[in-house]
Amino acid sequence: MTAERYTAVFTGLLGLKRPGEYPYLTMDEDPLGSGTYTLRRDRPPYERLGREISFEDLPKGCRQLVLDTYRRLWNL
């Protein structure tokens, strides 16, 4: 597995965001078990992104990591 099996791009009024940049999370299929994930703030690599999937279609560990990251980013 590679760290970039899945990419979650966070949008909205995040204070850390600069114009054209977004926080995004790259992760493998089991990011909590393997520890293979990275949070970045930049322009997501749109040319390397595959097809869009729904949140429910992410593996369970990915969904948990996305929710945990979202809560940290927005202090929820």
PDB file of N, CA and C in Angstrom:
ATOM      1  N   MET A   1       0.825  -1.187   0.000  1.00  0.00           N
ATOM      2  CA  MET A   1       0.000   0.000   0.000  1.00  0.00           C
ATOM      3  C   MET A   1       0.871   1.254   0.000  1.00  0.00           C
ATOM      4  N   THR A   2       0.340   2.278  -0.596  1.00  0.00           N
ATOM      5  CA  THR A   2       1.036   3.558  -0.558  1.00  0.00           C
ATOM      6  C   THR A   2       0.257   4.510   0.337  1.00  0.00           C
ATOM      7  N   ALA A   3       0.909   5.551   0.767  1.00  0.00           N
ATOM      8  CA  ALA A   3       0.260   6.533   1.635  1.00  0.00           C
ATOM      9  C   ALA A   3      -0.818   7.308   0.890  1.00  0.00           C
ATOM     10  N   GLU A   4      -0.851   7.204  -0.417  1.00  0.00           N
ATOM     11  CA  GLU A   4      -1.796   8.014  -1.172  1.00  0.00           C
ATOM     12  C   GLU A   4      -2.885   7.188  -1.844  1.00  0.00           C
ATOM     13  N   ARG A   5      -3.315   6.150  -1.180  1.00  0.00           N
ATOM     14  CA  ARG A   5      -4.429   5.358  -1.698  1.00  0.00           C
ATOM     15  C   ARG A   5      -5.713   6.181  -1.672  1.00  0.00           C
ATOM     16  N   TYR A   6      -5.881   6.966  -0.601  1.00  0.00           N
ATOM     17  CA  TYR A   6      -7.040   7.840  -0.446  1.00  0.00           C
ATOM     18  C   TYR A   6      -6.566   9.248  -0.100  1.00  0.00           C
ATOM     19  N   THR A   7      -7.281  10.239  -0.612  1.00  0.00           N
ATOM     20  CA  THR A   7      -6.993  11.638  -0.306  1.00  0.00           C
ATOM     21  C   THR A   7      -8.299  12.323   0.079  1.00  0.00           C
ATOM     22  N   ALA A   8      -8.316  12.950   1.258  1.00  0.00           N
ATOM     23  CA  ALA A   8      -9.472  13.718   1.714  1.00  0.00           C
ATOM     24  C   ALA A   8      -9.072  15.187   1.711  1.00  0.00           C
ATOM     25  N   VAL A   9      -9.809  16.003   0.972  1.00  0.00           N
ATOM     26  CA  VAL A   9      -9.526  17.429   0.880  1.00  0.00           C
ATOM     27  C   VAL A   9     -10.542  18.169   1.745  1.00  0.00           C
ATOM     28  N   PHE A  10     -10.041  18.992   2.675  1.00  0.00           N
ATOM     29  CA  PHE A  10     -10.900  19.752   3.571  1.00  0.00           C
ATOM     30  C   PHE A  10     -11.085  21.157   3.006  1.00  0.00           C
ATOM     31  N   THR A  11     -12.334  21.598   2.923  1.00  0.00           N
ATOM     32  CA  THR A  11     -12.626  22.933   2.408  1.00  0.00           C
ATOM     33  C   THR A  11     -13.339  23.724   3.489  1.00  0.00           C
ATOM     34  N   GLY A  12     -13.576  24.968   3.244  1.00  0.00           N
ATOM     35  CA  GLY A  12     -14.297  25.796   4.203  1.00  0.00           C
ATOM     36  C   GLY A  12     -13.473  26.989   4.648  1.00  0.00           C
ATOM     37  N   LEU A  13     -13.886  27.599   5.728  1.00  0.00           N
ATOM     38  CA  LEU A  13     -13.296  28.845   6.199  1.00  0.00           C
ATOM     39  C   LEU A  13     -12.221  28.612   7.253  1.00  0.00           C
ATOM     40  N   LEU A  14     -11.381  27.658   7.049  1.00  0.00           N
ATOM     41  CA  LEU A  14     -10.298  27.375   7.977  1.00  0.00           C
ATOM     42  C   LEU A  14      -9.320  28.536   8.010  1.00  0.00           C
ATOM     43  N   GLY A  15      -9.018  29.045   9.195  1.00  0.00           N
ATOM     44  CA  GLY A  15      -8.126  30.186   9.344  1.00  0.00           C
ATOM     45  C   GLY A  15      -6.712  29.925   8.869  1.00  0.00           C
ATOM     46  N   LEU A  16      -6.276  28.665   8.846  1.00  0.00           N
ATOM     47  CA  LEU A  16      -4.918  28.340   8.417  1.00  0.00           C
ATOM     48  C   LEU A  16      -4.772  28.304   6.903  1.00  0.00           C
ATOM     49  N   LYS A  17      -5.886  28.403   6.199  1.00  0.00           N
ATOM     50  CA  LYS A  17      -5.885  28.267   4.745  1.00  0.00           C
ATOM     51  C   LYS A  17      -5.440  29.555   4.066  1.00  0.00           C
ATOM     52  N   ARG A  18      -4.632  29.420   3.066  1.00  0.00           N
ATOM     53  CA  ARG A  18      -4.243  30.540   2.195  1.00  0.00           C
ATOM     54  C   ARG A  18      -4.995  30.388   0.878  1.00  0.00           C
ATOM     55  N   PRO A  19      -5.119  31.468   0.110  1.00  0.00           N
ATOM     56  CA  PRO A  19      -5.828  31.356  -1.167  1.00  0.00           C
ATOM     57  C   PRO A  19      -5.241  30.258  -2.052  1.00  0.00           C
ATOM     58  N   GLY A  20      -6.103  29.392  -2.546  1.00  0.00           N
ATOM     59  CA  GLY A  20      -5.674  28.312  -3.425  1.00  0.00           C
ATOM     60  C   GLY A  20      -5.114  27.107  -2.707  1.00  0.00           C
ATOM     61  N   GLU A  21      -4.975  27.175  -1.408  1.00  0.00           N
ATOM     62  CA  GLU A  21      -4.456  26.051  -0.634  1.00  0.00           C
ATOM     63  C   GLU A  21      -5.566  25.450   0.211  1.00  0.00           C
ATOM     64  N   TYR A  22      -5.459  24.174   0.436  1.00  0.00           N
ATOM     65  CA  TYR A  22      -6.413  23.464   1.281  1.00  0.00           C
ATOM     66  C   TYR A  22      -5.657  22.439   2.111  1.00  0.00           C
ATOM     67  N   PRO A  23      -6.119  22.205   3.327  1.00  0.00           N
ATOM     68  CA  PRO A  23      -5.551  21.081   4.054  1.00  0.00           C
ATOM     69  C   PRO A  23      -6.082  19.792   3.420  1.00  0.00           C
ATOM     70  N   TYR A  24      -5.210  18.819   3.239  1.00  0.00           N
ATOM     71  CA  TYR A  24      -5.657  17.535   2.724  1.00  0.00           C
ATOM     72  C   TYR A  24      -4.874  16.414   3.382  1.00  0.00           C
ATOM     73  N   LEU A  25      -5.521  15.288   3.460  1.00  0.00           N
ATOM     74  CA  LEU A  25      -5.014  14.135   4.170  1.00  0.00           C
ATOM     75  C   LEU A  25      -4.830  13.004   3.178  1.00  0.00           C
ATOM     76  N   THR A  26      -3.619  12.459   3.095  1.00  0.00           N
ATOM     77  CA  THR A  26      -3.381  11.277   2.274  1.00  0.00           C
ATOM     78  C   THR A  26      -3.204  10.098   3.212  1.00  0.00           C
ATOM     79  N   MET A  27      -3.739   8.949   2.817  1.00  0.00           N
ATOM     80  CA  MET A  27      -3.707   7.794   3.714  1.00  0.00           C
ATOM     81  C   MET A  27      -3.815   6.493   2.936  1.00  0.00           C
ATOM     82  N   ASP A  28      -3.363   5.404   3.583  1.00  0.00           N
ATOM     83  CA  ASP A  28      -3.548   4.091   2.989  1.00  0.00           C
ATOM     84  C   ASP A  28      -4.872   3.513   3.480  1.00  0.00           C
ATOM     85  N   GLU A  29      -5.142   2.238   3.181  1.00  0.00           N
ATOM     86  CA  GLU A  29      -6.435   1.646   3.534  1.00  0.00           C
ATOM     87  C   GLU A  29      -6.626   1.442   5.025  1.00  0.00           C
ATOM     88  N   ASP A  30      -5.549   1.392   5.804  1.00  0.00           N
ATOM     89  CA  ASP A  30      -5.635   1.185   7.248  1.00  0.00           C
ATOM     90  C   ASP A  30      -4.711   2.176   7.952  1.00  0.00           C
ATOM     91  N   PRO A  31      -5.016   3.473   7.871  1.00  0.00           N
ATOM     92  CA  PRO A  31      -4.080   4.476   8.386  1.00  0.00           C
ATOM     93  C   PRO A  31      -3.888   4.427   9.895  1.00  0.00           C
ATOM     94  N   LEU A  32      -4.890   3.988  10.640  1.00  0.00           N
ATOM     95  CA  LEU A  32      -4.754   3.945  12.095  1.00  0.00           C
ATOM     96  C   LEU A  32      -3.923   2.746  12.530  1.00  0.00           C
ATOM     97  N   GLY A  33      -4.011   1.653  11.777  1.00  0.00           N
ATOM     98  CA  GLY A  33      -3.234   0.462  12.099  1.00  0.00           C
ATOM     99  C   GLY A  33      -1.791   0.560  11.643  1.00  0.00           C
ATOM    100  N   SER A  34      -1.595   1.092  10.442  1.00  0.00           N
ATOM    101  CA  SER A  34      -0.250   1.172   9.866  1.00  0.00           C
ATOM    102  C   SER A  34       0.462   2.474  10.188  1.00  0.00           C
ATOM    103  N   GLY A  35      -0.314   3.502  10.528  1.00  0.00           N
ATOM    104  CA  GLY A  35       0.285   4.815  10.759  1.00  0.00           C
ATOM    105  C   GLY A  35       0.699   5.513   9.478  1.00  0.00           C
ATOM    106  N   THR A  36       0.193   5.019   8.340  1.00  0.00           N
ATOM    107  CA  THR A  36       0.583   5.573   7.052  1.00  0.00           C
ATOM    108  C   THR A  36      -0.424   6.617   6.598  1.00  0.00           C
ATOM    109  N   TYR A  37      -0.181   7.857   7.018  1.00  0.00           N
ATOM    110  CA  TYR A  37      -1.006   8.981   6.579  1.00  0.00           C
ATOM    111  C   TYR A  37      -0.208  10.267   6.765  1.00  0.00           C
ATOM    112  N   THR A  38      -0.593  11.290   6.021  1.00  0.00           N
ATOM    113  CA  THR A  38       0.085  12.589   6.087  1.00  0.00           C
ATOM    114  C   THR A  38      -0.947  13.688   5.917  1.00  0.00           C
ATOM    115  N   LEU A  39      -0.884  14.689   6.777  1.00  0.00           N
ATOM    116  CA  LEU A  39      -1.726  15.876   6.637  1.00  0.00           C
ATOM    117  C   LEU A  39      -0.860  16.973   6.053  1.00  0.00           C
ATOM    118  N   ARG A  40      -1.340  17.566   4.959  1.00  0.00           N
ATOM    119  CA  ARG A  40      -0.599  18.637   4.288  1.00  0.00           C
ATOM    120  C   ARG A  40      -1.495  19.850   4.125  1.00  0.00           C
ATOM    121  N   ARG A  41      -0.876  21.000   3.898  1.00  0.00           N
ATOM    122  CA  ARG A  41      -1.615  22.211   3.556  1.00  0.00           C
ATOM    123  C   ARG A  41      -0.931  22.790   2.329  1.00  0.00           C
ATOM    124  N   ASP A  42      -1.602  22.681   1.215  1.00  0.00           N
ATOM    125  CA  ASP A  42      -1.012  23.090  -0.056  1.00  0.00           C
ATOM    126  C   ASP A  42      -2.105  22.971  -1.112  1.00  0.00           C
ATOM    127  N   ARG A  43      -1.701  22.992  -2.342  1.00  0.00           N
ATOM    128  CA  ARG A  43      -2.633  22.697  -3.422  1.00  0.00           C
ATOM    129  C   ARG A  43      -2.674  21.180  -3.563  1.00  0.00           C
ATOM    130  N   PRO A  44      -3.841  20.572  -3.407  1.00  0.00           N
ATOM    131  CA  PRO A  44      -3.908  19.116  -3.571  1.00  0.00           C
ATOM    132  C   PRO A  44      -3.461  18.715  -4.978  1.00  0.00           C
ATOM    133  N   PRO A  45      -2.868  17.549  -5.120  1.00  0.00           N
ATOM    134  CA  PRO A  45      -2.362  17.111  -6.426  1.00  0.00           C
ATOM    135  C   PRO A  45      -3.497  16.656  -7.343  1.00  0.00           C
ATOM    136  N   TYR A  46      -4.278  17.623  -7.824  1.00  0.00           N
ATOM    137  CA  TYR A  46      -5.471  17.296  -8.603  1.00  0.00           C
ATOM    138  C   TYR A  46      -5.180  16.389  -9.789  1.00  0.00           C
ATOM    139  N   GLU A  47      -4.020  16.551 -10.420  1.00  0.00           N
ATOM    140  CA  GLU A  47      -3.699  15.731 -11.584  1.00  0.00           C
ATOM    141  C   GLU A  47      -3.468  14.269 -11.204  1.00  0.00           C
ATOM    142  N   ARG A  48      -3.237  14.006  -9.928  1.00  0.00           N
ATOM    143  CA  ARG A  48      -2.997  12.633  -9.467  1.00  0.00           C
ATOM    144  C   ARG A  48      -4.200  12.026  -8.757  1.00  0.00           C
ATOM    145  N   LEU A  49      -5.247  12.830  -8.567  1.00  0.00           N
ATOM    146  CA  LEU A  49      -6.433  12.308  -7.897  1.00  0.00           C
ATOM    147  C   LEU A  49      -7.224  11.424  -8.854  1.00  0.00           C
ATOM    148  N   GLY A  50      -7.780  10.369  -8.328  1.00  0.00           N
ATOM    149  CA  GLY A  50      -8.605   9.469  -9.133  1.00  0.00           C
ATOM    150  C   GLY A  50     -10.043   9.914  -9.100  1.00  0.00           C
ATOM    151  N   ARG A  51     -10.915   8.962  -8.962  1.00  0.00           N
ATOM    152  CA  ARG A  51     -12.347   9.289  -8.947  1.00  0.00           C
ATOM    153  C   ARG A  51     -12.803   9.655  -7.539  1.00  0.00           C
ATOM    154  N   GLU A  52     -13.838  10.449  -7.470  1.00  0.00           N
ATOM    155  CA  GLU A  52     -14.411  10.863  -6.191  1.00  0.00           C
ATOM    156  C   GLU A  52     -15.289   9.743  -5.645  1.00  0.00           C
ATOM    157  N   ILE A  53     -15.170   9.491  -4.337  1.00  0.00           N
ATOM    158  CA  ILE A  53     -16.037   8.520  -3.687  1.00  0.00           C
ATOM    159  C   ILE A  53     -16.712   9.195  -2.494  1.00  0.00           C
ATOM    160  N   SER A  54     -17.766   8.599  -2.011  1.00  0.00           N
ATOM    161  CA  SER A  54     -18.460   9.181  -0.864  1.00  0.00           C
ATOM    162  C   SER A  54     -17.731   8.814   0.426  1.00  0.00           C
ATOM    163  N   PHE A  55     -17.987   9.579   1.450  1.00  0.00           N
ATOM    164  CA  PHE A  55     -17.385   9.336   2.755  1.00  0.00           C
ATOM    165  C   PHE A  55     -17.700   7.915   3.235  1.00  0.00           C
ATOM    166  N   GLU A  56     -18.911   7.458   3.011  1.00  0.00           N
ATOM    167  CA  GLU A  56     -19.329   6.128   3.450  1.00  0.00           C
ATOM    168  C   GLU A  56     -18.565   5.017   2.747  1.00  0.00           C
ATOM    169  N   ASP A  57     -17.992   5.292   1.577  1.00  0.00           N
ATOM    170  CA  ASP A  57     -17.247   4.278   0.826  1.00  0.00           C
ATOM    171  C   ASP A  57     -15.791   4.150   1.288  1.00  0.00           C
ATOM    172  N   LEU A  58     -15.341   5.057   2.157  1.00  0.00           N
ATOM    173  CA  LEU A  58     -13.990   4.933   2.707  1.00  0.00           C
ATOM    174  C   LEU A  58     -13.931   3.768   3.683  1.00  0.00           C
ATOM    175  N   PRO A  59     -12.791   3.109   3.807  1.00  0.00           N
ATOM    176  CA  PRO A  59     -12.647   2.090   4.847  1.00  0.00           C
ATOM    177  C   PRO A  59     -12.855   2.721   6.225  1.00  0.00           C
ATOM    178  N   LYS A  60     -13.259   1.915   7.189  1.00  0.00           N
ATOM    179  CA  LYS A  60     -13.602   2.404   8.519  1.00  0.00           C
ATOM    180  C   LYS A  60     -12.477   3.227   9.158  1.00  0.00           C
ATOM    181  N   GLY A  61     -11.251   2.760   9.084  1.00  0.00           N
ATOM    182  CA  GLY A  61     -10.120   3.488   9.666  1.00  0.00           C
ATOM    183  C   GLY A  61      -9.910   4.846   9.013  1.00  0.00           C
ATOM    184  N   CYS A  62     -10.140   4.927   7.714  1.00  0.00           N
ATOM    185  CA  CYS A  62     -10.012   6.203   6.998  1.00  0.00           C
ATOM    186  C   CYS A  62     -11.096   7.170   7.443  1.00  0.00           C
ATOM    187  N   ARG A  63     -12.327   6.674   7.566  1.00  0.00           N
ATOM    188  CA  ARG A  63     -13.419   7.535   8.027  1.00  0.00           C
ATOM    189  C   ARG A  63     -13.113   8.101   9.412  1.00  0.00           C
ATOM    190  N   GLN A  64     -12.604   7.269  10.311  1.00  0.00           N
ATOM    191  CA  GLN A  64     -12.285   7.722  11.664  1.00  0.00           C
ATOM    192  C   GLN A  64     -11.185   8.774  11.643  1.00  0.00           C
ATOM    193  N   LEU A  65     -10.148   8.544  10.838  1.00  0.00           N
ATOM    194  CA  LEU A  65      -9.052   9.510  10.746  1.00  0.00           C
ATOM    195  C   LEU A  65      -9.531  10.837  10.161  1.00  0.00           C
ATOM    196  N   VAL A  66     -10.383  10.793   9.133  1.00  0.00           N
ATOM    197  CA  VAL A  66     -10.913  12.019   8.532  1.00  0.00           C
ATOM    198  C   VAL A  66     -11.733  12.795   9.573  1.00  0.00           C
ATOM    199  N   LEU A  67     -12.579  12.108  10.320  1.00  0.00           N
ATOM    200  CA  LEU A  67     -13.378  12.782  11.357  1.00  0.00           C
ATOM    201  C   LEU A  67     -12.490  13.369  12.454  1.00  0.00           C
ATOM    202  N   ASP A  68     -11.508  12.612  12.913  1.00  0.00           N
ATOM    203  CA  ASP A  68     -10.596  13.108  13.948  1.00  0.00           C
ATOM    204  C   ASP A  68      -9.826  14.331  13.469  1.00  0.00           C
ATOM    205  N   THR A  69      -9.361  14.293  12.223  1.00  0.00           N
ATOM    206  CA  THR A  69      -8.613  15.410  11.654  1.00  0.00           C
ATOM    207  C   THR A  69      -9.503  16.635  11.500  1.00  0.00           C
ATOM    208  N   TYR A  70     -10.717  16.433  11.001  1.00  0.00           N
ATOM    209  CA  TYR A  70     -11.682  17.524  10.850  1.00  0.00           C
ATOM    210  C   TYR A  70     -11.932  18.208  12.194  1.00  0.00           C
ATOM    211  N   ARG A  71     -12.152  17.415  13.215  1.00  0.00           N
ATOM    212  CA  ARG A  71     -12.405  17.969  14.549  1.00  0.00           C
ATOM    213  C   ARG A  71     -11.210  18.766  15.057  1.00  0.00           C
ATOM    214  N   ARG A  72     -10.005  18.282  14.814  1.00  0.00           N
ATOM    215  CA  ARG A  72      -8.798  19.020  15.231  1.00  0.00           C
ATOM    216  C   ARG A  72      -8.650  20.320  14.455  1.00  0.00           C
ATOM    217  N   LEU A  73      -8.877  20.275  13.154  1.00  0.00           N
ATOM    218  CA  LEU A  73      -8.705  21.477  12.318  1.00  0.00           C
ATOM    219  C   LEU A  73      -9.665  22.593  12.721  1.00  0.00           C
ATOM    220  N   TRP A  74     -10.898  22.222  13.078  1.00  0.00           N
ATOM    221  CA  TRP A  74     -11.906  23.208  13.400  1.00  0.00           C
ATOM    222  C   TRP A  74     -12.166  23.314  14.909  1.00  0.00           C
ATOM    223  N   ASN A  75     -11.278  22.735  15.702  1.00  0.00           N
ATOM    224  CA  ASN A  75     -11.395  22.809  17.179  1.00  0.00           C
ATOM    225  C   ASN A  75     -12.772  22.401  17.672  1.00  0.00           C
ATOM    226  N   LEU A  76     -13.259  21.295  17.203  1.00  0.00           N
ATOM    227  CA  LEU A  76     -14.589  20.805  17.629  1.00  0.00           C
ATOM    228  C   LEU A  76     -14.455  19.756  18.708  1.00  0.00           C
TER     229      LEU A  76
END
